[in-house]
Amino acid sequence: MADKVECICSQFEEINGFYSIYEFERFQKYLEGIVRTGDMKEVPVQEYYATFQEKWFECDNCSQIWRLVYPDFPFKGLWNKME
């Protein structure tokens, strides 16, 4: 099917700060849906971003790891690709 995305990672953009807790919560729900479909899975955090709470996710197709760091005022959180 032409509309099928081969790799969910191709749809992601890094986020360097959430504008509100509501935006962060919506993004969390979006990720939960992606995990439910099996396109990504949560994996253990290997190295924490300072002392902030975070979760790591691995793409089922390409094995790319993405990091979701929770906001903790004044830090606004982030979503980025692990190198």
N, C-alpha and C. Protein backbone atom coordinates (compact mmCIF):
# COMPACT_ATOMS: atom_id res chain seq x y z
N MET A 1 0.84 -1.17 0.00
CA MET A 1 0.00 0.00 0.00
C MET A 1 0.89 1.24 0.00
N ALA A 2 0.63 2.19 -0.86
CA ALA A 2 1.47 3.37 -1.03
C ALA A 2 1.44 4.30 0.17
N ASP A 3 0.37 4.31 0.96
CA ASP A 3 0.25 5.22 2.09
C ASP A 3 0.91 4.69 3.36
N LYS A 4 1.42 3.48 3.35
CA LYS A 4 2.03 2.87 4.53
C LYS A 4 3.42 3.45 4.77
N VAL A 5 3.67 3.89 6.00
CA VAL A 5 4.98 4.39 6.38
C VAL A 5 5.85 3.20 6.75
N GLU A 6 7.00 3.07 6.10
CA GLU A 6 7.87 1.93 6.38
C GLU A 6 8.50 2.02 7.75
N CYS A 7 8.90 3.21 8.15
CA CYS A 7 9.55 3.38 9.44
C CYS A 7 8.94 4.58 10.15
N ILE A 8 8.42 4.36 11.34
CA ILE A 8 7.78 5.43 12.10
C ILE A 8 8.76 6.58 12.36
N CYS A 9 10.05 6.26 12.46
CA CYS A 9 11.06 7.28 12.73
C CYS A 9 11.07 8.38 11.66
N SER A 10 10.72 8.05 10.45
CA SER A 10 10.72 9.05 9.38
C SER A 10 9.67 10.13 9.62
N GLN A 11 8.73 9.88 10.53
CA GLN A 11 7.68 10.84 10.84
C GLN A 11 8.01 11.71 12.05
N PHE A 12 9.05 11.38 12.78
CA PHE A 12 9.39 12.10 14.01
C PHE A 12 10.26 13.32 13.74
N GLU A 13 10.06 14.34 14.56
CA GLU A 13 10.94 15.49 14.62
C GLU A 13 11.36 15.64 16.06
N GLU A 14 12.58 16.06 16.29
CA GLU A 14 13.02 16.28 17.66
C GLU A 14 12.27 17.46 18.26
N ILE A 15 12.00 17.38 19.54
CA ILE A 15 11.30 18.43 20.28
C ILE A 15 12.24 18.91 21.37
N ASN A 16 12.58 20.18 21.33
CA ASN A 16 13.47 20.76 22.33
C ASN A 16 12.68 21.66 23.26
N GLY A 17 11.75 21.07 23.97
CA GLY A 17 10.93 21.81 24.94
C GLY A 17 9.46 21.75 24.59
N PHE A 18 8.67 21.35 25.55
CA PHE A 18 7.22 21.34 25.40
C PHE A 18 6.68 22.67 25.92
N TYR A 19 5.69 23.23 25.23
CA TYR A 19 5.17 24.55 25.59
C TYR A 19 4.29 24.51 26.84
N SER A 20 3.73 23.34 27.13
CA SER A 20 2.87 23.21 28.31
C SER A 20 2.83 21.76 28.75
N ILE A 21 2.38 21.53 29.96
CA ILE A 21 2.23 20.16 30.45
C ILE A 21 1.19 19.42 29.63
N TYR A 22 0.20 20.13 29.12
CA TYR A 22 -0.84 19.51 28.29
C TYR A 22 -0.25 19.01 26.97
N GLU A 23 0.64 19.80 26.38
CA GLU A 23 1.30 19.36 25.15
C GLU A 23 2.11 18.09 25.43
N PHE A 24 2.84 18.08 26.55
CA PHE A 24 3.63 16.91 26.92
C PHE A 24 2.73 15.70 27.12
N GLU A 25 1.61 15.86 27.82
CA GLU A 25 0.70 14.74 28.06
C GLU A 25 0.10 14.21 26.75
N ARG A 26 -0.24 15.10 25.82
CA ARG A 26 -0.75 14.66 24.51
C ARG A 26 0.32 13.86 23.77
N PHE A 27 1.56 14.30 23.85
CA PHE A 27 2.64 13.58 23.19
C PHE A 27 2.84 12.21 23.82
N GLN A 28 2.74 12.13 25.14
CA GLN A 28 2.84 10.84 25.83
C GLN A 28 1.76 9.88 25.33
N LYS A 29 0.53 10.36 25.19
CA LYS A 29 -0.57 9.52 24.71
C LYS A 29 -0.32 9.08 23.27
N TYR A 30 0.23 9.96 22.47
CA TYR A 30 0.60 9.62 21.10
C TYR A 30 1.61 8.47 21.09
N LEU A 31 2.64 8.57 21.93
CA LEU A 31 3.65 7.50 22.02
C LEU A 31 3.04 6.20 22.52
N GLU A 32 2.13 6.28 23.49
CA GLU A 32 1.47 5.07 24.00
C GLU A 32 0.75 4.35 22.86
N GLY A 33 0.12 5.10 21.97
CA GLY A 33 -0.55 4.51 20.81
C GLY A 33 0.43 3.83 19.87
N ILE A 34 1.57 4.44 19.67
CA ILE A 34 2.59 3.86 18.80
C ILE A 34 3.13 2.56 19.40
N VAL A 35 3.28 2.53 20.71
CA VAL A 35 3.74 1.31 21.39
C VAL A 35 2.67 0.22 21.26
N ARG A 36 1.41 0.59 21.42
CA ARG A 36 0.30 -0.38 21.30
C ARG A 36 0.26 -1.02 19.92
N THR A 37 0.56 -0.25 18.88
CA THR A 37 0.53 -0.80 17.52
C THR A 37 1.75 -1.66 17.22
N GLY A 38 2.76 -1.60 18.09
CA GLY A 38 3.95 -2.41 17.89
C GLY A 38 5.02 -1.75 17.05
N ASP A 39 4.82 -0.48 16.67
CA ASP A 39 5.83 0.22 15.87
C ASP A 39 7.05 0.61 16.70
N MET A 40 6.85 0.75 18.01
CA MET A 40 7.95 1.05 18.92
C MET A 40 7.74 0.27 20.20
N LYS A 41 8.84 0.09 20.95
CA LYS A 41 8.71 -0.54 22.26
C LYS A 41 9.56 0.25 23.24
N GLU A 42 9.12 0.25 24.49
CA GLU A 42 9.90 0.91 25.53
C GLU A 42 11.06 0.01 25.90
N VAL A 43 12.24 0.61 26.05
CA VAL A 43 13.45 -0.12 26.42
C VAL A 43 14.07 0.55 27.64
N PRO A 44 14.92 -0.17 28.37
CA PRO A 44 15.54 0.42 29.56
C PRO A 44 16.42 1.64 29.22
N VAL A 45 16.36 2.63 30.09
CA VAL A 45 17.22 3.81 29.95
C VAL A 45 18.65 3.40 30.27
N GLN A 46 19.57 3.74 29.39
CA GLN A 46 20.99 3.39 29.58
C GLN A 46 21.79 4.50 30.25
N GLU A 47 21.41 5.74 29.99
CA GLU A 47 22.13 6.88 30.55
C GLU A 47 21.14 8.03 30.70
N TYR A 48 20.95 8.48 31.92
CA TYR A 48 19.95 9.52 32.18
C TYR A 48 20.44 10.91 31.79
N TYR A 49 19.50 11.72 31.36
CA TYR A 49 19.74 13.12 31.03
C TYR A 49 19.67 13.89 32.35
N ALA A 50 20.82 14.13 32.95
CA ALA A 50 20.91 14.74 34.28
C ALA A 50 20.12 13.88 35.26
N THR A 51 19.23 14.49 36.03
CA THR A 51 18.45 13.72 37.02
C THR A 51 16.97 13.70 36.67
N PHE A 52 16.64 14.02 35.44
CA PHE A 52 15.24 14.10 35.03
C PHE A 52 14.66 12.71 34.74
N GLN A 53 13.37 12.58 34.98
CA GLN A 53 12.66 11.34 34.64
C GLN A 53 12.61 11.22 33.12
N GLU A 54 12.80 10.00 32.63
CA GLU A 54 12.74 9.82 31.18
C GLU A 54 12.42 8.38 30.81
N LYS A 55 12.05 8.21 29.55
CA LYS A 55 11.80 6.89 28.97
C LYS A 55 12.49 6.83 27.62
N TRP A 56 12.93 5.63 27.26
CA TRP A 56 13.52 5.40 25.94
C TRP A 56 12.62 4.47 25.15
N PHE A 57 12.59 4.70 23.84
CA PHE A 57 11.77 3.91 22.94
C PHE A 57 12.62 3.48 21.75
N GLU A 58 12.41 2.23 21.31
CA GLU A 58 13.14 1.68 20.17
C GLU A 58 12.18 1.43 19.02
N CYS A 59 12.56 1.89 17.84
CA CYS A 59 11.78 1.66 16.63
C CYS A 59 11.85 0.19 16.26
N ASP A 60 10.72 -0.42 15.99
CA ASP A 60 10.67 -1.84 15.63
C ASP A 60 11.29 -2.10 14.26
N ASN A 61 11.26 -1.11 13.39
CA ASN A 61 11.75 -1.30 12.03
C ASN A 61 13.26 -1.09 11.92
N CYS A 62 13.77 0.02 12.44
CA CYS A 62 15.19 0.35 12.22
C CYS A 62 16.04 0.29 13.49
N SER A 63 15.41 0.02 14.64
CA SER A 63 16.09 -0.09 15.94
C SER A 63 16.66 1.23 16.46
N GLN A 64 16.27 2.36 15.87
CA GLN A 64 16.70 3.66 16.38
C GLN A 64 16.09 3.88 17.77
N ILE A 65 16.88 4.40 18.69
CA ILE A 65 16.42 4.71 20.04
C ILE A 65 16.09 6.19 20.12
N TRP A 66 14.93 6.48 20.72
CA TRP A 66 14.49 7.85 20.97
C TRP A 66 14.33 8.05 22.47
N ARG A 67 14.64 9.24 22.93
CA ARG A 67 14.59 9.57 24.35
C ARG A 67 13.50 10.61 24.59
N LEU A 68 12.64 10.33 25.57
CA LEU A 68 11.63 11.28 26.04
C LEU A 68 12.01 11.68 27.45
N VAL A 69 12.40 12.94 27.63
CA VAL A 69 12.75 13.46 28.95
C VAL A 69 11.61 14.35 29.43
N TYR A 70 11.12 14.03 30.61
CA TYR A 70 9.97 14.72 31.18
C TYR A 70 10.33 16.16 31.56
N PRO A 71 9.40 17.09 31.36
CA PRO A 71 9.65 18.46 31.79
C PRO A 71 9.66 18.55 33.32
N ASP A 72 10.49 19.43 33.83
CA ASP A 72 10.57 19.70 35.26
C ASP A 72 11.03 21.16 35.37
N PHE A 73 10.07 22.04 35.58
CA PHE A 73 10.30 23.48 35.52
C PHE A 73 11.60 23.86 36.22
N PRO A 74 12.43 24.68 35.61
CA PRO A 74 12.24 25.43 34.36
C PRO A 74 12.61 24.65 33.10
N PHE A 75 13.15 23.43 33.24
CA PHE A 75 13.46 22.59 32.08
C PHE A 75 12.16 22.17 31.41
N LYS A 76 12.07 22.30 30.09
CA LYS A 76 10.83 22.06 29.37
C LYS A 76 10.71 20.68 28.74
N GLY A 77 11.68 19.79 29.02
CA GLY A 77 11.62 18.44 28.48
C GLY A 77 12.16 18.37 27.06
N LEU A 78 12.25 17.13 26.53
CA LEU A 78 12.68 16.98 25.15
C LEU A 78 12.35 15.58 24.63
N TRP A 79 12.37 15.47 23.34
CA TRP A 79 12.21 14.23 22.59
C TRP A 79 13.30 14.25 21.54
N ASN A 80 14.26 13.34 21.64
CA ASN A 80 15.32 13.37 20.65
C ASN A 80 15.85 11.97 20.34
N LYS A 81 16.52 11.92 19.21
CA LYS A 81 17.13 10.68 18.72
C LYS A 81 18.45 10.48 19.44
N MET A 82 18.69 9.25 19.89
CA MET A 82 19.96 8.93 20.53
C MET A 82 20.96 8.59 19.43
N GLU A 83 22.14 9.10 19.54
CA GLU A 83 23.21 8.84 18.56
C GLU A 83 23.98 7.61 18.94
